[in-house]
Protein backbone atom coordinates (compact mmCIF):
# COMPACT_ATOMS: atom_id res chain seq x y z
CA MET A 1 -5.89 17.28 26.19
CA THR A 2 -4.44 13.68 26.09
CA THR A 3 -1.61 13.50 23.23
CA PHE A 4 0.24 9.85 22.00
CA GLU A 5 3.61 10.88 20.85
CA GLY A 6 6.54 8.57 19.08
CA PRO A 7 9.96 8.98 19.73
CA PRO A 8 11.20 12.15 19.22
CA LEU A 9 13.45 12.69 15.48
CA ASP A 10 16.48 13.16 15.93
CA ARG A 11 16.58 9.75 17.88
CA VAL A 12 16.52 7.75 15.12
CA GLU A 13 19.51 6.89 12.92
CA GLY A 14 20.15 5.64 9.90
CA VAL A 15 18.10 8.52 7.96
CA GLY A 16 19.59 10.07 5.22
CA ALA A 17 18.64 12.61 2.34
CA LEU A 18 15.04 14.12 2.45
CA THR A 19 13.91 14.70 -0.96
CA LEU A 20 13.98 11.93 -3.67
CA GLY A 21 16.39 13.26 -5.52
CA GLY A 22 18.77 13.75 -2.93
CA PHE A 23 17.76 10.24 -1.99
CA LEU A 24 18.51 8.88 -5.16
CA ALA A 25 22.06 10.35 -5.20
CA GLU A 26 22.96 9.02 -1.89
CA VAL A 27 22.13 5.48 -2.51
CA ALA A 28 23.45 6.00 -6.04
CA GLY A 29 26.64 7.36 -4.43
CA ARG A 30 26.76 4.29 -1.84
CA PHE A 31 25.53 0.98 -3.79
CA GLY A 32 25.88 2.05 -7.98
CA PRO A 33 27.47 -1.01 -9.13
CA ASN A 34 24.53 -2.64 -7.34
CA GLU A 35 21.63 -4.34 -8.82
CA ALA A 36 19.17 -2.18 -8.04
CA LEU A 37 15.75 -2.87 -10.48
CA VAL A 38 15.54 -6.43 -12.03
CA SER A 39 12.43 -7.42 -14.52
CA ASP A 40 12.13 -10.07 -17.00
CA GLU A 41 13.00 -7.28 -19.64
CA ALA A 42 15.59 -5.19 -17.82
CA ARG A 43 18.18 -6.05 -15.04
CA TRP A 44 19.27 -1.86 -13.83
CA THR A 45 22.22 -1.04 -11.23
CA TYR A 46 21.90 2.32 -8.34
CA ALA A 47 24.04 4.15 -11.35
CA ASP A 48 21.74 3.47 -13.96
CA LEU A 49 18.65 4.37 -11.93
CA ASP A 50 20.71 7.41 -11.37
CA ARG A 51 21.81 8.28 -14.82
CA GLU A 52 18.03 7.78 -16.28
CA ALA A 53 16.30 9.82 -13.80
CA THR A 54 18.85 12.75 -14.52
CA ARG A 55 18.18 12.39 -18.43
CA ILE A 56 14.19 12.35 -17.42
CA ALA A 57 14.45 15.26 -15.39
CA ALA A 58 16.16 17.20 -17.65
CA GLY A 59 14.08 16.50 -20.57
CA LEU A 60 10.84 17.44 -18.74
CA MET A 61 12.59 20.79 -18.15
CA ALA A 62 13.36 20.88 -21.97
CA ALA A 63 9.94 20.22 -22.27
CA GLY A 64 9.01 23.41 -20.30
CA VAL A 65 7.90 21.80 -16.60
CA LYS A 66 8.11 23.97 -13.93
CA PRO A 67 8.84 23.19 -10.58
CA GLY A 68 5.46 22.17 -8.74
CA GLU A 69 4.14 21.26 -11.77
CA GLY A 70 2.42 18.07 -12.34
CA VAL A 71 4.10 15.18 -14.30
CA GLY A 72 1.70 12.35 -14.59
CA ILE A 73 3.38 8.96 -14.71
CA LEU A 74 1.19 5.64 -16.01
CA MET A 75 3.83 3.04 -15.92
CA GLY A 76 3.72 -0.90 -14.61
CA ASN A 77 6.43 -1.92 -12.45
CA ARG A 78 9.08 -1.55 -14.79
CA PRO A 79 12.59 0.19 -13.54
CA GLU A 80 11.82 3.26 -16.25
CA ALA A 81 8.55 3.76 -14.17
CA VAL A 82 10.85 3.95 -11.09
CA ALA A 83 12.89 6.53 -12.84
CA ALA A 84 10.17 8.60 -14.01
CA ILE A 85 9.33 9.00 -10.27
CA PHE A 86 12.75 10.70 -9.18
CA GLY A 87 13.44 12.07 -12.79
CA ALA A 88 10.23 14.19 -12.00
CA ALA A 89 11.06 15.16 -8.58
CA ARG A 90 14.92 16.17 -9.74
CA ALA A 91 13.37 18.65 -12.17
CA GLY A 92 11.22 19.88 -9.09
CA ALA A 93 8.21 18.78 -10.53
CA VAL A 94 5.42 16.78 -8.48
CA ALA A 95 4.84 13.39 -9.83
CA VAL A 96 1.11 12.24 -9.72
CA LEU A 97 1.00 8.51 -9.66
CA LEU A 98 -1.51 7.00 -11.81
CA SER A 99 -3.43 3.73 -11.43
CA THR A 100 -3.25 1.56 -14.07
CA PHE A 101 -5.96 0.32 -13.14
CA ALA A 102 -8.43 3.64 -14.01
CA PRO A 103 -10.35 3.50 -16.70
CA ARG A 104 -10.03 6.53 -19.26
CA PRO A 105 -13.33 8.59 -17.49
CA GLU A 106 -11.33 8.48 -14.15
CA LEU A 107 -7.93 9.05 -15.66
CA ALA A 108 -9.55 12.25 -17.40
CA TYR A 109 -10.30 13.26 -13.41
CA MET A 110 -6.88 12.54 -12.10
CA LEU A 111 -5.44 14.64 -15.09
CA GLU A 112 -7.54 17.46 -14.25
CA ARG A 113 -7.42 17.14 -10.03
CA ALA A 114 -3.64 17.28 -10.46
CA GLU A 115 -3.08 19.85 -12.98
CA VAL A 116 -1.02 17.22 -15.51
CA THR A 117 1.53 19.39 -17.48
CA VAL A 118 3.00 16.41 -19.20
CA ALA A 119 2.75 12.59 -19.01
CA LEU A 120 4.97 9.54 -19.20
CA THR A 121 3.46 6.23 -20.04
CA GLN A 122 3.76 3.04 -22.09
CA ALA A 123 1.91 1.26 -25.13
CA ARG A 124 0.74 -1.34 -23.29
CA VAL A 125 0.02 -2.91 -19.51
CA ALA A 126 -1.20 -6.51 -19.75
CA SER A 127 -4.70 -5.96 -21.65
CA ARG A 128 -5.39 -1.77 -21.51
CA ARG A 129 -3.58 0.60 -23.61
CA PRO A 130 -2.77 3.72 -21.54
CA GLY A 131 -0.45 5.58 -23.93
CA ASP A 132 -3.66 5.92 -26.55
CA ASP A 133 -5.81 6.52 -23.22
CA LEU A 134 -3.41 9.55 -22.34
CA THR A 135 -2.54 10.85 -25.92
CA ALA A 136 -6.29 10.98 -26.35
CA LEU A 137 -7.01 12.86 -22.88
CA ALA A 138 -3.82 15.27 -23.14
CA PRO A 139 -2.60 15.47 -26.86
CA GLY A 140 0.93 16.79 -27.48
CA ARG A 141 1.79 15.98 -23.76
CA VAL A 142 2.68 12.22 -23.30
CA ALA A 143 6.15 10.93 -23.72
CA VAL A 144 5.23 6.98 -24.51
CA LEU A 145 8.16 4.93 -23.76
CA GLY A 146 9.24 2.97 -26.79
CA LYS A 147 7.63 5.76 -29.00
CA SER A 148 9.58 8.29 -30.76
CA SER A 149 7.63 10.89 -28.11
CA TRP A 150 9.81 9.00 -25.31
CA ASP A 151 13.18 9.15 -27.30
CA ASP A 152 12.48 13.15 -27.86
CA LEU A 153 11.65 14.13 -24.16
CA LEU A 154 15.32 11.86 -23.36
CA ALA A 155 17.20 13.73 -26.31
CA ALA A 156 15.96 17.41 -25.67
CA GLY A 157 17.36 17.73 -22.10
CA ALA A 158 20.26 19.89 -20.93
CA GLY A 159 20.90 22.41 -18.39
CA PRO A 160 21.50 22.79 -14.16
CA LEU A 161 18.55 20.88 -12.09
CA PRO A 162 16.77 23.14 -9.74
CA GLU A 163 17.50 22.95 -5.85
CA VAL A 164 14.88 21.09 -4.01
CA ASP A 165 13.48 21.24 -0.33
CA PRO A 166 12.15 18.63 1.93
CA GLU A 167 9.38 20.58 2.66
CA ASP A 168 8.56 21.17 -1.48
CA ASP A 169 5.64 19.36 -3.00
CA ALA A 170 7.08 16.06 -4.65
CA LEU A 171 3.99 13.23 -5.07
CA VAL A 172 0.59 13.17 -5.30
CA ILE A 173 -1.35 9.66 -4.53
CA PHE A 174 -4.85 8.79 -5.24
CA SER A 175 -6.84 6.78 -3.23
CA SER A 176 -8.42 3.12 -3.73
CA GLY A 177 -11.66 3.91 -2.62
CA THR A 178 -14.52 1.76 -4.10
CA THR A 179 -17.67 4.19 -4.30
CA ASP A 180 -16.72 7.66 -4.88
CA ARG A 181 -14.04 9.46 -7.23
CA PRO A 182 -10.84 9.02 -5.78
CA LYS A 183 -9.46 11.40 -3.55
CA ALA A 184 -5.69 12.97 -4.27
CA MET A 185 -3.41 13.16 -1.25
CA LEU A 186 -0.46 15.69 -1.86
CA HIS A 187 2.91 14.83 -0.17
CA CYS A 188 6.28 16.73 0.42
CA HIS A 189 9.69 15.08 -0.34
CA ARG A 190 9.54 14.56 3.23
CA ALA A 191 7.21 11.93 3.39
CA PRO A 192 7.64 9.24 0.85
CA THR A 193 11.88 9.81 1.89
CA ARG A 194 11.45 9.40 5.55
CA GLN A 195 9.45 6.45 4.95
CA PHE A 196 11.91 4.50 2.59
CA TRP A 197 14.81 4.85 5.71
CA VAL A 198 12.40 4.21 7.92
CA GLN A 199 10.79 0.90 6.47
CA ALA A 200 14.05 -0.40 5.94
CA GLN A 201 15.01 -0.42 8.70
CA ILE A 202 11.34 -1.39 10.22
CA PHE A 203 11.86 -4.99 7.26
CA GLY A 204 15.36 -5.70 8.31
CA ARG A 205 16.22 -4.87 4.87
CA HIS A 206 20.04 -5.16 3.90
CA PRO A 207 22.22 -4.49 0.50
CA GLY A 208 21.83 -8.74 0.25
CA THR A 209 18.10 -8.30 -0.06
CA ARG A 210 16.51 -9.35 -2.96
CA MET A 211 12.72 -8.87 -2.46
CA PHE A 212 10.23 -9.64 -5.22
CA SER A 213 7.01 -8.06 -5.41
CA ALA A 214 4.08 -7.03 -7.92
CA LEU A 215 2.81 -4.28 -6.17
CA PRO A 216 1.77 -1.48 -8.18
CA LEU A 217 3.86 2.17 -7.18
CA PHE A 218 0.90 4.22 -7.17
CA TRP A 219 0.17 2.34 -3.83
CA THR A 220 2.57 3.28 -1.33
CA ALA A 221 2.93 -0.16 -0.33
CA GLY A 222 4.36 -0.57 -3.49
CA LEU A 223 5.85 2.84 -3.68
CA ASN A 224 7.77 2.53 0.02
CA THR A 225 7.72 -0.74 1.37
CA ALA A 226 8.52 -2.43 -2.03
CA MET A 227 10.62 -0.06 -3.99
CA GLY A 228 11.94 2.81 -1.58
CA SER A 229 13.09 0.84 1.56
CA THR A 230 14.46 -1.73 -0.97
CA LEU A 231 16.26 0.68 -2.63
CA ALA A 232 17.11 2.91 1.09
CA ALA A 233 19.12 -0.58 2.19
CA GLY A 234 21.09 -0.91 -0.91
CA GLY A 235 18.72 -4.47 -2.18
CA CYS A 236 17.46 -4.91 -5.08
CA TRP A 237 13.51 -5.26 -6.08
CA VAL A 238 12.71 -7.84 -8.68
CA MET A 239 9.63 -6.29 -9.74
CA GLN A 240 6.80 -7.81 -12.14
CA GLU A 241 4.64 -5.82 -13.75
CA THR A 242 1.55 -7.89 -14.06
CA PHE A 243 1.29 -10.93 -11.24
CA ASP A 244 1.84 -14.62 -12.50
CA PRO A 245 1.86 -17.01 -10.61
CA GLY A 246 3.93 -19.19 -12.58
CA THR A 247 6.07 -16.32 -13.62
CA ALA A 248 6.41 -15.09 -10.35
CA LEU A 249 8.03 -18.73 -9.09
CA ALA A 250 10.45 -18.99 -12.11
CA MET A 251 11.64 -14.97 -11.48
CA MET A 252 12.07 -15.51 -7.28
CA ALA A 253 13.90 -19.29 -7.99
CA ARG A 254 16.33 -17.29 -11.11
CA GLU A 255 16.84 -13.92 -9.09
CA LYS A 256 17.25 -15.71 -6.08
CA VAL A 257 14.98 -13.78 -3.64
CA THR A 258 15.38 -13.31 -0.19
CA GLU A 259 12.21 -11.32 0.45
CA PRO A 260 8.75 -12.43 -0.99
CA TYR A 261 6.36 -9.29 -0.07
CA THR A 262 3.21 -10.29 -1.91
CA LEU A 263 -1.15 -9.75 -0.99
CA PRO A 264 -2.61 -12.63 0.35
CA HIS A 265 -4.64 -13.64 -2.66
CA GLN A 266 -1.23 -13.58 -4.64
CA THR A 267 0.15 -15.75 -1.76
CA ARG A 268 -2.51 -18.24 -2.04
CA ALA A 269 -1.89 -18.18 -6.03
CA LEU A 270 1.70 -18.91 -5.70
CA ALA A 271 0.54 -21.50 -3.34
CA GLU A 272 -1.99 -23.72 -5.87
CA HIS A 273 0.18 -23.07 -8.70
CA PRO A 274 1.40 -26.44 -10.39
CA ASP A 275 5.26 -25.43 -9.78
CA TRP A 276 5.07 -24.62 -6.37
CA ASP A 277 6.07 -28.15 -5.19
CA THR A 278 8.96 -28.44 -7.24
CA THR A 279 10.63 -24.55 -7.53
CA ASP A 280 13.93 -24.39 -5.75
CA LEU A 281 12.82 -21.15 -2.89
CA SER A 282 15.31 -22.18 -1.15
CA SER A 283 17.29 -18.81 -1.17
CA LEU A 284 13.95 -17.14 0.81
CA ARG A 285 14.33 -16.24 4.16
CA CYS A 286 12.59 -13.41 5.04
CA VAL A 287 8.74 -15.60 5.80
CA TYR A 288 7.61 -16.09 8.66
CA GLY A 289 4.99 -18.01 10.96
CA LYS A 290 3.05 -20.17 9.33
CA SER A 291 2.58 -18.67 6.10
CA ALA A 292 2.94 -21.01 2.70
CA PHE A 293 6.60 -19.64 1.89
CA ALA A 294 7.58 -20.85 5.04
CA ARG A 295 5.94 -24.21 4.73
CA HIS A 296 7.55 -24.67 1.41
CA PRO A 297 9.52 -27.62 0.97
CA SER A 298 13.24 -26.18 0.10
CA VAL A 299 12.64 -22.62 2.36
CA THR A 300 14.32 -22.71 5.92
CA GLY A 301 13.28 -19.06 7.04
CA ASP A 302 15.62 -16.91 9.45
CA PRO A 303 13.83 -17.25 12.82
CA ALA A 304 14.62 -14.14 13.96
CA TRP A 305 12.24 -12.30 11.37
CA PHE A 306 8.74 -11.50 11.33
CA MET A 307 6.68 -10.09 8.77
CA PRO A 308 5.99 -6.22 10.44
CA VAL A 309 2.74 -5.68 11.64
CA GLY A 310 1.78 -1.98 11.72
CA TYR A 311 -1.12 0.85 10.99
CA GLY A 312 -0.73 3.41 8.45
CA LEU A 313 -2.65 5.01 5.70
CA SER A 314 -1.82 6.72 2.19
CA GLU A 315 -2.57 10.25 3.87
CA THR A 316 0.68 9.40 6.22
CA CYS A 317 2.19 8.01 3.65
CA ALA A 318 2.56 4.40 4.65
CA PHE A 319 3.01 3.51 7.97
CA PHE A 320 2.11 5.47 11.53
CA SER A 321 3.11 2.74 13.77
CA SER A 322 4.57 -0.34 14.01
CA HIS A 323 6.30 -3.27 15.40
CA PRO A 324 9.45 -3.83 13.57
CA SER A 325 10.89 -7.50 11.98
CA THR A 326 12.09 -8.65 15.25
CA THR A 327 9.31 -8.68 16.78
CA THR A 328 8.30 -11.78 18.32
CA ARG A 329 4.83 -13.34 16.80
CA GLU A 330 3.01 -13.10 20.35
CA VAL A 331 3.39 -9.51 20.63
CA ALA A 332 2.87 -8.82 16.73
CA LYS A 333 -0.14 -10.15 17.25
CA GLU A 334 -1.53 -8.10 20.09
CA SER A 335 -1.56 -4.34 18.66
CA MET A 336 -0.75 -2.49 15.67
CA GLY A 337 3.38 -1.13 17.44
CA PRO A 338 4.09 2.02 18.78
CA LEU A 339 3.98 5.09 17.42
CA LEU A 340 7.01 5.80 14.75
CA ALA A 341 9.35 8.73 15.68
CA GLY A 342 7.96 12.15 15.38
CA ASN A 343 4.14 10.86 15.12
CA GLU A 344 1.41 12.27 17.50
CA LEU A 345 -2.21 10.48 17.81
CA ARG A 346 -5.55 11.26 19.40
CA VAL A 347 -8.22 9.24 20.33
CA VAL A 348 -11.55 11.15 20.01
CA ASP A 349 -14.82 10.88 20.82
CA PRO A 350 -16.37 10.47 17.76
CA THR A 351 -19.39 12.59 18.27
CA THR A 352 -17.94 15.22 20.73
CA GLY A 353 -14.51 15.15 19.52
CA ALA A 354 -13.13 15.24 22.70
CA ALA A 355 -9.49 13.47 23.46
CA LEU A 356 -9.42 10.45 25.37
CA GLY A 357 -7.34 8.61 27.72
CA VAL A 358 -5.05 5.09 27.60
CA GLY A 359 -7.37 2.79 27.26
CA GLU A 360 -10.31 4.48 26.11
CA TRP A 361 -11.96 3.14 22.29
CA GLY A 362 -12.86 6.36 19.87
CA GLU A 363 -11.36 7.95 16.67
CA LEU A 364 -7.94 8.04 15.74
CA ALA A 365 -6.53 11.62 14.86
CA VAL A 366 -2.94 11.76 13.82
CA ARG A 367 0.19 14.17 13.03
CA GLY A 368 3.35 13.54 11.95
CA PRO A 369 6.45 14.48 9.51
CA THR A 370 4.68 11.94 6.69
CA LEU A 371 1.16 13.14 7.25
CA MET A 372 0.26 14.30 3.40
CA ARG A 373 -0.22 18.52 3.08
CA ARG A 374 -4.07 17.92 2.44
CA TYR A 375 -6.47 16.63 -0.47
CA LEU A 376 -5.87 18.20 -4.24
CA GLY A 377 -9.57 20.22 -4.17
CA ARG A 378 -9.46 20.99 -0.56
CA THR A 379 -8.19 23.62 1.77
CA PRO A 380 -5.94 22.76 4.59
CA GLU A 381 -8.60 23.84 7.13
CA GLU A 382 -11.21 21.33 5.43
CA CYS A 383 -8.61 18.13 6.01
CA PHE A 384 -7.04 19.04 9.49
CA ASP A 385 -8.98 19.83 12.50
CA ALA A 386 -7.62 23.42 14.58
CA GLY A 387 -4.44 21.61 16.19
CA GLY A 388 -3.49 20.61 12.61
CA PHE A 389 -4.76 16.85 13.38
CA PHE A 390 -6.04 14.53 10.65
CA ARG A 391 -9.44 12.98 11.21
CA THR A 392 -8.80 9.04 9.92
CA GLY A 393 -12.36 7.79 9.99
CA ASP A 394 -10.38 4.26 11.72
CA VAL A 395 -11.31 3.66 15.15
CA GLY A 396 -9.10 1.95 18.19
CA TRP A 397 -6.78 2.67 21.41
CA VAL A 398 -4.02 2.72 22.95
CA ASP A 399 -2.66 0.56 25.68
CA ALA A 400 -0.51 1.14 28.79
CA ASP A 401 2.75 0.20 26.93
CA GLY A 402 1.99 2.96 24.19
CA ASN A 403 1.08 0.23 21.61
CA LEU A 404 -2.09 1.33 19.13
CA HIS A 405 -4.75 -1.16 18.76
CA TYR A 406 -6.54 -0.72 15.39
CA GLU A 407 -10.22 -1.67 15.08
CA GLY A 408 -11.03 -1.11 11.76
CA ARG A 409 -13.38 1.89 10.06
CA ARG A 410 -15.95 3.98 11.93
CA THR A 411 -17.97 3.83 8.89
CA GLU A 412 -17.71 0.32 8.98
CA MET A 413 -18.47 -0.68 12.48
CA ILE A 414 -21.29 -2.67 13.21
CA ARG A 415 -23.88 -1.53 15.92
CA THR A 416 -25.64 -4.86 17.30
CA ALA A 417 -28.21 -4.99 20.07
CA GLY A 418 -25.95 -2.29 21.69
CA ALA A 419 -22.47 -3.21 21.01
CA ASN A 420 -20.03 -2.41 18.70
CA VAL A 421 -18.34 -4.81 16.09
CA SER A 422 -14.94 -4.34 14.24
CA PRO A 423 -15.46 -6.19 10.93
CA ALA A 424 -11.79 -6.16 10.53
CA GLU A 425 -11.44 -7.79 13.89
CA ILE A 426 -13.73 -11.04 12.75
CA GLU A 427 -11.41 -10.72 9.05
CA VAL A 428 -8.29 -11.52 10.93
CA GLN A 429 -9.57 -14.06 12.90
CA LEU A 430 -11.12 -15.86 9.76
CA ARG A 431 -7.90 -15.63 8.01
CA ALA A 432 -6.13 -18.57 10.27
CA CYS A 433 -9.50 -20.56 8.96
CA PRO A 434 -8.08 -23.56 6.70
CA ASP A 435 -11.76 -23.65 5.23
CA VAL A 436 -11.47 -19.82 4.26
CA LYS A 437 -10.07 -18.23 1.22
CA LEU A 438 -11.97 -14.86 1.30
CA ALA A 439 -14.01 -13.50 4.04
CA ARG A 440 -16.03 -9.94 4.10
CA ILE A 441 -17.71 -9.14 7.19
CA VAL A 442 -20.65 -7.01 6.90
CA GLY A 443 -23.70 -5.53 9.01
CA VAL A 444 -27.29 -6.02 7.59
CA PRO A 445 -30.06 -3.50 8.72
CA ASP A 446 -32.66 -5.55 11.34
CA PRO A 447 -35.58 -3.79 12.97
CA ARG A 448 -34.80 -5.55 16.68
CA VAL A 449 -30.93 -5.44 16.84
CA ASP A 450 -29.89 -2.60 14.90
CA GLN A 451 -28.06 -4.36 12.94
CA ILE A 452 -26.83 -8.39 12.46
CA VAL A 453 -23.10 -9.48 11.39
CA VAL A 454 -23.28 -11.54 8.26
CA ALA A 455 -20.15 -13.28 7.01
CA CYS A 456 -19.36 -13.45 3.18
CA ILE A 457 -16.99 -16.34 2.88
CA VAL A 458 -15.56 -17.99 -0.42
CA ARG A 459 -14.15 -21.70 0.75
CA THR A 460 -10.65 -22.82 -0.04
CA ASP A 461 -10.96 -25.72 -3.02
CA GLY A 462 -12.06 -28.60 -1.57
CA SER A 463 -13.74 -27.77 1.80
CA ASP A 464 -17.30 -28.13 1.98
CA ALA A 465 -17.34 -26.34 5.50
CA GLY A 466 -21.15 -24.89 6.52
CA GLU A 467 -22.33 -22.28 8.39
CA ALA A 468 -21.69 -24.03 11.67
CA ASP A 469 -18.10 -24.90 10.88
CA ILE A 470 -17.21 -20.99 10.31
CA GLN A 471 -19.41 -19.80 13.58
CA ALA A 472 -18.14 -22.79 15.63
CA PHE A 473 -14.30 -21.97 14.60
CA LEU A 474 -15.15 -17.88 15.55
CA ARG A 475 -16.55 -18.71 18.81
CA GLU A 476 -13.81 -19.89 20.27
CA ARG A 477 -11.67 -16.68 18.89
CA VAL A 478 -14.45 -13.68 19.60
CA SER A 479 -17.10 -12.98 22.18
CA SER A 480 -20.09 -14.71 20.89
CA TYR A 481 -21.97 -11.32 19.99
CA LYS A 482 -19.82 -10.76 17.44
CA VAL A 483 -20.31 -14.53 15.71
CA PRO A 484 -21.52 -13.80 12.66
CA ARG A 485 -26.17 -14.29 12.80
CA HIS A 486 -25.89 -15.72 9.32
CA VAL A 487 -22.86 -16.98 6.64
CA LEU A 488 -23.37 -16.40 3.18
CA PHE A 489 -20.88 -18.96 0.25
CA PHE A 490 -20.19 -17.56 -2.57
CA ALA A 491 -17.83 -19.15 -4.99
CA ASP A 492 -14.36 -17.74 -6.19
CA GLY A 493 -14.76 -14.61 -8.26
CA GLU A 494 -18.78 -13.93 -7.23
CA ILE A 495 -17.68 -11.53 -4.46
CA PRO A 496 -17.26 -7.82 -6.43
CA MET A 497 -13.83 -6.33 -6.50
CA THR A 498 -12.51 -3.24 -7.41
CA GLY A 499 -10.47 -3.24 -10.89
CA SER A 500 -7.45 -3.72 -8.92
CA GLU A 501 -8.81 -7.06 -7.25
CA ALA A 502 -7.43 -5.74 -3.80
CA LYS A 503 -10.34 -4.42 -2.44
CA VAL A 504 -13.76 -5.62 -1.94
CA ARG A 505 -16.70 -3.34 -3.36
CA ASP A 506 -18.57 -3.43 -0.47
CA ASP A 507 -22.11 -1.37 -2.49
CA GLY A 508 -21.78 -4.54 -4.56
CA LEU A 509 -21.61 -7.09 -1.97
CA LEU A 510 -24.14 -5.80 0.90
CA ALA A 511 -26.88 -6.00 -2.56
CA LEU A 512 -25.95 -9.40 -3.25
CA VAL A 513 -26.06 -10.02 0.42
CA ALA A 514 -29.63 -8.70 0.76
CA ASP A 515 -31.14 -10.55 -2.28
CA ARG A 516 -29.22 -13.82 -0.63
CA LEU A 517 -31.02 -12.93 2.49
CA ASN A 518 -34.41 -12.07 1.21
CA GLY A 519 -34.49 -15.54 -0.48
CA GLU A 520 -33.35 -17.31 2.42
CA LEU A 521 -35.20 -16.04 5.53
């Protein structure tokens, strides 16, 4: 049976403590007086973070939280949220990261699924009131930052902290699914901490790194790539609780940010802001290629740095394969990189489950040191195959050099005239189209060819591109059968998104597409 393998774990240098509490103690010991976390309201050193995490841990234990029990954390990006995660871990509890986007019914489900005993939160996040939500759902078990309940928690702490092992349960992350209840992924301490150390190397971070990001901590991108890997390198996370482009630009200039870590729609919002051209962003060094940051008039980027490209998922606590930041653009655009150390991959036939070889297309099944323990509410046997591999539902293949090529979700693959079309492949190509602000590719049932490919486009401001223009752009980049039969244009904000504004709601979009095509055909 063909199994593709990354390098042995013992070949990776620079990996330190593998418990969350041990990780924080190690970086605080090395970088204690350095700035670790900066927001518009606070400025914490590594020593500050270490001290506050210990106070929270002691308070949780005094409140009766026992090792292995769930501590819900519902906060925006602020230093206290980071301290809460490490504090829960130091108490031997499981940090349950709750979404600030979740409505009250979904929060109720999350609290029940993760068996949360105590919750840590704040009164407001933007227009939301998580303090009220959690207090209503779990009365008497909630500490709200800025309220007496928070002060009481910190004042009650005393006594020694428990011993924690890298294999102990540490973290619950909920999926951000668009059509079903979120899945709860249980991770041990080894998963996030190993990602912290390894991603610091992948991104080329160091004590001089000042990284800006507004990505939330309940996503692995915010938890690992923004926060954890920055701290692993001794850098500073310049955090924004709710993304606002004008405030973000001011923060980047004031805090002399060296690396912006933003989603594409956030980058576009920054570039379209009236203050963009006049903001001094000369401190930025880790920018890449043709990104808006690289084109800014005040920016001279590091030519040796390129935004890492990789494959991962919440079930693997982020990266499973990756090209590091030292990879050239030409190499990085060809694949998702080699497997990270300790990881194993099988490419299996979606129907038979048979393992496939080099260059053969199939479903990706993964196993490795940062793979989740299981989904809460399911047994390990329900989550993994007999070999301990997790069937991801993603499809791709591995080339002769051991690089992983990702081609999208198995369930999203469009079957047209006997051929498979990956929506992800076309969407990636459309990112380079100057007329496209947002693109989503969907398959629509067709009696003759099974499905037809349809592109749903939000044009950039001022663009008057038509269907033929988009099709012509793609004909130069993808096979003819992959070029969308129809191109539908939507106004900005018309395509339905999740509450996080990071993912398209496919069920809602498909309904719009069906109505539009029925009216046009």
